[in-house]
Protein backbone atom coordinates (compact mmCIF):
# COMPACT_ATOMS: atom_id res chain seq x y z
CA MET A 1 114.13 110.83 108.60
CA ALA A 2 110.99 108.80 108.10
CA ALA A 3 109.27 108.63 104.74
CA ALA A 4 105.80 110.08 104.26
CA ASP A 5 102.84 108.86 102.24
CA PRO A 6 101.05 111.07 99.68
CA HIS A 7 98.67 112.26 102.40
CA GLY A 8 101.56 113.62 104.47
CA GLU A 9 101.50 110.96 107.18
CA GLU A 10 104.96 109.70 108.21
CA TYR A 11 105.79 106.02 107.98
CA VAL A 12 106.75 104.11 111.12
CA LYS A 13 108.03 100.58 111.64
CA ILE A 14 105.04 98.29 111.96
CA ILE A 15 106.57 94.82 112.02
CA ALA A 16 109.78 92.85 111.41
CA ILE A 17 109.85 90.75 108.24
CA GLU A 18 111.21 87.20 108.48
CA ASP A 19 112.41 86.61 104.90
CA ALA A 20 112.21 87.81 101.29
CA ILE A 21 109.27 85.54 100.41
CA GLU A 22 107.23 86.85 103.32
CA ALA A 23 108.14 90.41 102.28
CA GLN A 24 106.88 89.82 98.73
CA LEU A 25 103.68 88.15 99.88
CA ILE A 26 102.80 90.82 102.44
CA SER A 27 103.66 93.63 100.03
CA SER A 28 101.46 92.07 97.34
CA VAL A 29 98.46 91.82 99.70
CA LEU A 30 98.95 95.38 100.97
CA GLU A 31 99.18 96.70 97.40
CA ASP A 32 95.98 94.84 96.46
CA ARG A 33 94.22 96.51 99.40
CA GLY A 34 95.60 99.96 98.63
CA ILE A 35 97.55 100.22 101.89
CA PRO A 36 100.62 102.47 101.59
CA HIS A 37 103.78 100.77 102.81
CA GLN A 38 107.50 100.31 102.29
CA VAL A 39 109.60 97.20 102.83
CA TYR A 40 113.23 97.58 103.85
CA SER A 41 115.82 94.80 103.82
CA PHE A 42 118.59 94.86 106.40
CA TYR A 43 120.96 93.19 103.92
CA ASP A 44 124.21 95.08 103.53
CA THR A 45 126.69 93.86 100.92
CA ALA A 46 129.61 95.30 102.89
CA PHE A 47 128.76 93.04 105.82
CA ASN A 48 127.40 90.10 103.79
CA GLY A 49 124.02 90.08 105.50
CA LEU A 50 125.40 90.20 109.05
CA PHE A 51 122.60 92.48 110.27
CA GLN A 52 119.91 90.17 108.93
CA THR A 53 121.01 87.48 111.38
CA GLN A 54 120.76 90.00 114.22
CA LYS A 55 117.69 92.05 113.28
CA GLY A 56 115.73 89.76 110.98
CA TRP A 57 115.40 90.00 107.21
CA GLY A 58 113.91 93.49 107.21
CA LYS A 59 111.06 95.70 108.32
CA LEU A 60 107.72 96.87 107.03
CA MET A 61 106.86 100.54 107.43
CA ALA A 62 103.48 102.20 106.95
CA PRO A 63 101.53 105.18 108.25
CA PRO A 64 100.45 104.67 111.88
CA SER A 65 96.78 104.93 110.88
CA PHE A 66 97.18 101.59 109.01
CA ARG A 67 98.99 99.78 111.89
CA ASP A 68 96.05 97.59 112.97
CA GLN A 69 95.16 96.64 109.39
CA VAL A 70 98.76 95.75 108.54
CA ILE A 71 99.27 93.71 111.70
CA GLY A 72 96.02 91.83 111.05
CA ILE A 73 97.09 91.01 107.49
CA VAL A 74 100.57 89.89 108.57
CA GLU A 75 99.16 87.70 111.36
CA ASP A 76 96.69 86.14 108.93
CA ILE A 77 99.50 85.38 106.44
CA ARG A 78 101.75 83.93 109.14
CA ASN A 79 98.97 81.83 110.67
CA ASN A 80 97.59 80.62 107.32
CA PRO A 81 100.51 80.29 104.90
CA PRO A 82 99.60 79.51 101.29
CA SER A 83 99.93 75.82 100.47
CA SER A 84 101.14 74.30 97.23
CA GLU A 85 97.57 73.04 96.68
CA SER A 86 96.21 76.60 96.59
CA ILE A 87 98.66 77.49 93.80
CA GLU A 88 97.46 74.75 91.46
């Protein structure tokens, strides 16, 4: 069963997440912009992360009405990763 946001809209898979750092960065940007979302890791301790090698690190889910915004944000992050100079 899919989760639902406070407005009653069900969450759907929007994009695959490549790693934990990307998940944290994307989630932080989406929170700052008030976009409802959930990040799921495919890590399973019983299988020692086996599914992460097959499916990717995890997935990002959000209401379908936010799909274009989320994809735009993710593409921007992937195409313009933060540099160590921007942290200083």
